Amino acid sequence: AGFIWVGNAQNRMVELLKERDELYKQYDFYLSENNALFGGKSKKDLGNLINTLKGIVAKDNEIIREVRTSGVQKESDYVGQNRENTSRLYDLERNISALRTQLNNRERILTERQEDLKHLEATIGQLRLAVLALTGGVLLLLLYIFQLRRAKVGRT
């Protein structure tokens, strides 16, 4: 009883659910990655998370389409099965919404990290310039001291 899957549709749904499980495993893996300088998420980690979340959202949309378009219900089980499908659909839509929120948060964090990186690169450039200027100043001071000693030796 219940939802009757047509052979290929059932196989397709099993395949889609396996693919989603694999994407979710990737998401868990990337979520545990902390390759940044101080142990946080690096730009690459965040990019991987975002891409995986996008893949999960796309796969969930594909599953929803498959649920909506595949299978035939028996007339007697229509009401009960329809409730189950609706519940599952709402669960998937809530899941998609939560994943989109996570995706937006990850993209915001990635943007912030990119801005931080630009600021750090600018600061490094300024520090390099300052070190170069100080090195030049020290060299000029050494040359001046060397000439003073030379002049002093020449007078004695």
Protein backbone atom coordinates (compact mmCIF):
# COMPACT_ATOMS: atom_id res chain seq x y z
CA ALA A 1 0.00 0.00 0.00
CA GLY A 2 1.00 3.63 -0.05
CA PHE A 3 2.98 5.36 -2.69
CA ILE A 4 3.61 3.18 -5.74
CA TRP A 5 6.84 3.96 -7.52
CA VAL A 6 7.27 3.17 -11.14
CA GLY A 7 10.55 1.17 -11.42
CA ASN A 8 12.76 3.89 -12.90
CA ALA A 9 11.27 6.60 -10.72
CA GLN A 10 12.05 4.60 -7.58
CA ASN A 11 15.60 3.95 -8.75
CA ARG A 12 15.99 7.64 -9.59
CA MET A 13 14.78 8.67 -6.12
CA VAL A 14 17.16 6.23 -4.42
CA GLU A 15 19.98 7.60 -6.55
CA LEU A 16 19.07 11.21 -5.73
CA LEU A 17 18.91 10.49 -1.99
CA LYS A 18 22.30 8.74 -2.12
CA GLU A 19 23.77 11.73 -3.99
CA ARG A 20 22.30 14.09 -1.36
CA ASP A 21 23.78 11.95 1.44
CA GLU A 22 27.19 12.19 -0.25
CA LEU A 23 26.86 15.97 -0.55
CA TYR A 24 25.90 16.19 3.11
CA LYS A 25 28.97 14.09 4.05
CA GLN A 26 31.11 16.53 2.03
CA TYR A 27 29.44 19.41 3.87
CA ASP A 28 30.26 17.79 7.27
CA PHE A 29 33.84 17.25 6.13
CA TYR A 30 34.30 20.84 4.96
CA LEU A 31 32.59 22.11 8.11
CA SER A 32 35.26 20.36 10.19
CA GLU A 33 38.11 21.85 8.13
CA ASN A 34 39.93 24.74 9.79
CA ASN A 35 42.86 25.66 7.58
CA ALA A 36 43.08 29.38 8.29
CA LEU A 37 46.11 30.92 9.96
CA PHE A 38 44.52 30.94 13.43
CA GLY A 39 42.50 27.72 13.09
CA GLY A 40 39.32 29.19 11.59
CA LYS A 41 37.84 28.74 8.17
CA SER A 42 40.08 29.73 5.30
CA LYS A 43 38.80 31.34 2.12
CA LYS A 44 39.09 27.93 0.44
CA ASP A 45 37.20 26.22 3.30
CA LEU A 46 34.37 28.75 3.05
CA GLY A 47 34.28 28.40 -0.74
CA ASN A 48 34.04 24.62 -0.42
CA LEU A 49 31.23 24.97 2.15
CA ILE A 50 29.33 27.40 -0.07
CA ASN A 51 29.68 25.20 -3.14
CA THR A 52 28.61 22.11 -1.20
CA LEU A 53 25.60 23.93 0.27
CA LYS A 54 24.63 25.07 -3.21
CA GLY A 55 24.89 21.45 -4.36
CA ILE A 56 22.68 20.29 -1.48
CA VAL A 57 20.09 22.95 -2.26
CA ALA A 58 20.11 21.97 -5.95
CA LYS A 59 19.84 18.27 -5.05
CA ASP A 60 16.93 18.98 -2.66
CA ASN A 61 15.18 20.90 -5.42
CA GLU A 62 15.74 17.94 -7.73
CA ILE A 63 14.31 15.58 -5.10
CA ILE A 64 11.29 17.83 -4.63
CA ARG A 65 10.70 17.86 -8.40
CA GLU A 66 11.05 14.07 -8.49
CA VAL A 67 8.62 13.66 -5.59
CA ARG A 68 6.14 15.94 -7.29
CA THR A 69 6.35 14.29 -10.71
CA SER A 70 6.90 10.61 -10.01
CA GLY A 71 4.72 7.81 -8.84
CA VAL A 72 1.01 7.07 -8.66
CA GLN A 73 -1.01 6.73 -5.47
CA LYS A 74 -3.71 4.23 -4.80
CA GLU A 75 -7.03 5.96 -4.30
CA SER A 76 -7.57 4.52 -0.80
CA ASP A 77 -4.15 5.70 0.46
CA TYR A 78 -4.30 9.12 -1.17
CA VAL A 79 -5.10 11.21 1.91
CA GLY A 80 -2.57 9.56 4.25
CA GLN A 81 0.18 9.49 1.69
CA ASN A 82 -0.53 13.05 0.63
CA ARG A 83 -0.03 14.19 4.24
CA GLU A 84 3.27 12.34 4.41
CA ASN A 85 4.43 13.86 1.12
CA THR A 86 3.34 17.32 2.17
CA SER A 87 5.12 16.92 5.48
CA ARG A 88 8.28 15.72 3.73
CA LEU A 89 8.00 18.54 1.21
CA TYR A 90 7.67 21.11 3.98
CA ASP A 91 10.62 19.52 5.78
CA LEU A 92 12.71 19.72 2.61
CA GLU A 93 11.64 23.32 2.00
CA ARG A 94 12.56 24.23 5.60
CA ASN A 95 15.87 22.45 5.09
CA ILE A 96 16.45 24.39 1.87
CA SER A 97 15.61 27.63 3.65
CA ALA A 98 18.03 26.82 6.47
CA LEU A 99 20.75 25.88 3.96
CA ARG A 100 20.17 29.12 2.05
CA THR A 101 20.53 31.06 5.29
CA GLN A 102 23.77 29.20 6.03
CA LEU A 103 24.94 29.85 2.48
CA ASN A 104 24.22 33.57 2.81
CA ASN A 105 26.06 33.66 6.14
CA ARG A 106 29.06 31.83 4.63
CA GLU A 107 29.10 34.20 1.65
CA ARG A 108 28.97 37.19 4.04
CA ILE A 109 31.84 35.74 6.08
CA LEU A 110 33.81 35.06 2.90
CA THR A 111 33.30 38.66 1.77
CA GLU A 112 34.42 39.94 5.16
CA ARG A 113 37.51 37.71 5.07
CA GLN A 114 38.32 38.93 1.55
CA GLU A 115 38.08 42.53 2.76
CA ASP A 116 40.29 41.70 5.76
CA LEU A 117 42.79 40.10 3.38
CA LYS A 118 42.86 43.26 1.22
CA HIS A 119 43.48 45.40 4.31
CA LEU A 120 46.26 43.07 5.48
CA GLU A 121 47.87 43.11 2.05
CA ALA A 122 47.78 46.93 2.05
CA THR A 123 49.31 47.00 5.54
CA ILE A 124 52.05 44.60 4.48
CA GLY A 125 52.83 46.84 1.51
CA GLN A 126 53.07 49.87 3.80
CA LEU A 127 55.30 47.97 6.23
CA ARG A 128 57.60 46.89 3.42
CA LEU A 129 57.87 50.50 2.29
CA ALA A 130 58.60 51.63 5.87
CA VAL A 131 61.30 48.95 6.27
CA LEU A 132 62.85 50.01 2.98
CA ALA A 133 62.83 53.67 4.03
CA LEU A 134 64.36 52.81 7.42
CA THR A 135 67.02 50.68 5.76
CA GLY A 136 67.86 53.55 3.44
CA GLY A 137 68.03 55.95 6.39
CA VAL A 138 70.34 53.63 8.32
CA LEU A 139 72.61 53.30 5.27
CA LEU A 140 72.77 57.08 4.87
CA LEU A 141 73.55 57.48 8.58
CA LEU A 142 76.32 54.87 8.32
CA LEU A 143 77.78 56.66 5.29
CA TYR A 144 77.68 59.96 7.20
CA ILE A 145 79.43 58.41 10.22
CA PHE A 146 82.00 56.80 7.92
CA GLN A 147 82.75 60.16 6.30
CA LEU A 148 83.00 61.90 9.69
CA ARG A 149 85.55 59.30 10.81
CA ARG A 150 87.41 59.67 7.57
CA ALA A 151 87.53 63.44 7.99
CA LYS A 152 88.65 63.05 11.61
CA VAL A 153 91.41 60.61 10.60
CA GLY A 154 92.48 63.01 7.86
CA ARG A 155 92.85 65.90 10.41
CA THR A 156 95.01 63.97 12.85
